[in-house]
Amino acid sequence: MHTVLLLDQLVVLPEYQEDGVDAHLLEEMIDYFRQVENIVAVGHDAHLNRLLKEQGFHAGSADTPCLIRPKQLVETEF
């Protein structure tokens, strides 16, 4: 089974972006959906693109603003 999550917008007031709230929200979202096969995000601006790339997203292709983050293997402790 293949599951894809589409992230179209990450909205944070500009005065909180400098505090890292946007990066923290993105990290929490990725952690919550860690079992999803691929997370596809639309990079609307340079700031969001930078945040996405810092979290392991990469360009899907040259002709689209979408960035993709493949499922990460989760280490479990037994």
C-alpha atoms as a PDB file:
ATOM      1  CA  MET A   1       0.000   0.000   0.000  1.00  0.00           C
ATOM      2  CA  HIS A   2       1.292   3.460  -0.883  1.00  0.00           C
ATOM      3  CA  THR A   3       0.183   6.455   1.117  1.00  0.00           C
ATOM      4  CA  VAL A   4       0.934  10.039   0.168  1.00  0.00           C
ATOM      5  CA  LEU A   5       0.355  13.146   2.255  1.00  0.00           C
ATOM      6  CA  LEU A   6       0.149  16.515   0.488  1.00  0.00           C
ATOM      7  CA  LEU A   7       1.242  19.595   2.430  1.00  0.00           C
ATOM      8  CA  ASP A   8       0.046  22.669   0.559  1.00  0.00           C
ATOM      9  CA  GLN A   9       0.488  25.420   3.131  1.00  0.00           C
ATOM     10  CA  LEU A  10       2.255  25.981   6.426  1.00  0.00           C
ATOM     11  CA  VAL A  11       0.901  29.228   7.820  1.00  0.00           C
ATOM     12  CA  VAL A  12       2.696  30.965  10.686  1.00  0.00           C
ATOM     13  CA  LEU A  13       2.585  34.675  11.454  1.00  0.00           C
ATOM     14  CA  PRO A  14       5.849  36.314  10.322  1.00  0.00           C
ATOM     15  CA  GLU A  15       6.740  37.473  13.836  1.00  0.00           C
ATOM     16  CA  TYR A  16       6.777  33.840  15.009  1.00  0.00           C
ATOM     17  CA  GLN A  17       8.766  32.486  12.057  1.00  0.00           C
ATOM     18  CA  GLU A  18      11.925  34.009  13.501  1.00  0.00           C
ATOM     19  CA  ASP A  19      11.291  32.098  16.739  1.00  0.00           C
ATOM     20  CA  GLY A  20      11.379  28.816  14.819  1.00  0.00           C
ATOM     21  CA  VAL A  21       7.680  28.046  15.288  1.00  0.00           C
ATOM     22  CA  ASP A  22       7.315  27.160  11.595  1.00  0.00           C
ATOM     23  CA  ALA A  23      10.239  24.726  11.728  1.00  0.00           C
ATOM     24  CA  HIS A  24       8.867  23.152  14.914  1.00  0.00           C
ATOM     25  CA  LEU A  25       5.399  22.699  13.367  1.00  0.00           C
ATOM     26  CA  LEU A  26       6.956  21.055  10.321  1.00  0.00           C
ATOM     27  CA  GLU A  27       9.018  18.707  12.510  1.00  0.00           C
ATOM     28  CA  GLU A  28       5.932  17.744  14.546  1.00  0.00           C
ATOM     29  CA  MET A  29       3.906  17.099  11.382  1.00  0.00           C
ATOM     30  CA  ILE A  30       6.642  14.904   9.915  1.00  0.00           C
ATOM     31  CA  ASP A  31       6.930  12.966  13.168  1.00  0.00           C
ATOM     32  CA  TYR A  32       3.156  12.475  13.397  1.00  0.00           C
ATOM     33  CA  PHE A  33       2.959  11.134   9.832  1.00  0.00           C
ATOM     34  CA  ARG A  34       6.239   9.170   9.953  1.00  0.00           C
ATOM     35  CA  GLN A  35       4.599   6.004   8.569  1.00  0.00           C
ATOM     36  CA  VAL A  36       3.355   7.754   5.413  1.00  0.00           C
ATOM     37  CA  GLU A  37       5.168   6.500   2.328  1.00  0.00           C
ATOM     38  CA  ASN A  38       5.800   9.966   0.842  1.00  0.00           C
ATOM     39  CA  ILE A  39       5.078  13.490   2.009  1.00  0.00           C
ATOM     40  CA  VAL A  40       4.717  15.900  -0.891  1.00  0.00           C
ATOM     41  CA  ALA A  41       4.929  19.620  -0.148  1.00  0.00           C
ATOM     42  CA  VAL A  42       4.351  22.583  -2.405  1.00  0.00           C
ATOM     43  CA  GLY A  43       7.147  25.096  -1.915  1.00  0.00           C
ATOM     44  CA  HIS A  44       5.469  28.463  -2.358  1.00  0.00           C
ATOM     45  CA  ASP A  45       8.480  30.587  -1.386  1.00  0.00           C
ATOM     46  CA  ALA A  46      12.205  30.434  -0.632  1.00  0.00           C
ATOM     47  CA  HIS A  47      11.695  30.368   3.160  1.00  0.00           C
ATOM     48  CA  LEU A  48       9.414  27.321   3.001  1.00  0.00           C
ATOM     49  CA  ASN A  49      11.709  25.610   0.492  1.00  0.00           C
ATOM     50  CA  ARG A  50      14.644  26.058   2.887  1.00  0.00           C
ATOM     51  CA  LEU A  51      12.647  24.608   5.804  1.00  0.00           C
ATOM     52  CA  LEU A  52      11.524  21.645   3.720  1.00  0.00           C
ATOM     53  CA  LYS A  53      15.053  20.869   2.489  1.00  0.00           C
ATOM     54  CA  GLU A  54      16.360  21.045   6.074  1.00  0.00           C
ATOM     55  CA  GLN A  55      13.823  18.322   6.932  1.00  0.00           C
ATOM     56  CA  GLY A  56      14.910  15.963   4.149  1.00  0.00           C
ATOM     57  CA  PHE A  57      12.630  17.022   1.302  1.00  0.00           C
ATOM     58  CA  HIS A  58      14.092  17.098  -2.194  1.00  0.00           C
ATOM     59  CA  ALA A  59      12.881  18.409  -5.546  1.00  0.00           C
ATOM     60  CA  GLY A  60      10.520  16.042  -7.341  1.00  0.00           C
ATOM     61  CA  SER A  61      11.442  17.395 -10.782  1.00  0.00           C
ATOM     62  CA  ALA A  62      12.674  20.602 -12.332  1.00  0.00           C
ATOM     63  CA  ASP A  63       9.288  21.664 -13.715  1.00  0.00           C
ATOM     64  CA  THR A  64       7.268  21.567 -10.479  1.00  0.00           C
ATOM     65  CA  PRO A  65       7.394  23.469  -7.173  1.00  0.00           C
ATOM     66  CA  CYS A  66       6.773  20.219  -5.281  1.00  0.00           C
ATOM     67  CA  LEU A  67       9.306  18.738  -2.908  1.00  0.00           C
ATOM     68  CA  ILE A  68       9.118  15.130  -1.713  1.00  0.00           C
ATOM     69  CA  ARG A  69      10.200  13.517   1.541  1.00  0.00           C
ATOM     70  CA  PRO A  70      10.280   9.721   1.365  1.00  0.00           C
ATOM     71  CA  LYS A  71       9.315   7.610   4.347  1.00  0.00           C
ATOM     72  CA  GLN A  72      12.078   7.426   6.925  1.00  0.00           C
ATOM     73  CA  LEU A  73      12.839   4.131   8.595  1.00  0.00           C
ATOM     74  CA  VAL A  74      12.061   4.400  12.267  1.00  0.00           C
ATOM     75  CA  GLU A  75      14.377   2.749  14.735  1.00  0.00           C
ATOM     76  CA  THR A  76      12.469   1.049  17.522  1.00  0.00           C
ATOM     77  CA  GLU A  77      13.780  -0.055  20.871  1.00  0.00           C
ATOM     78  CA  PHE A  78      12.847  -3.505  22.126  1.00  0.00           C
END
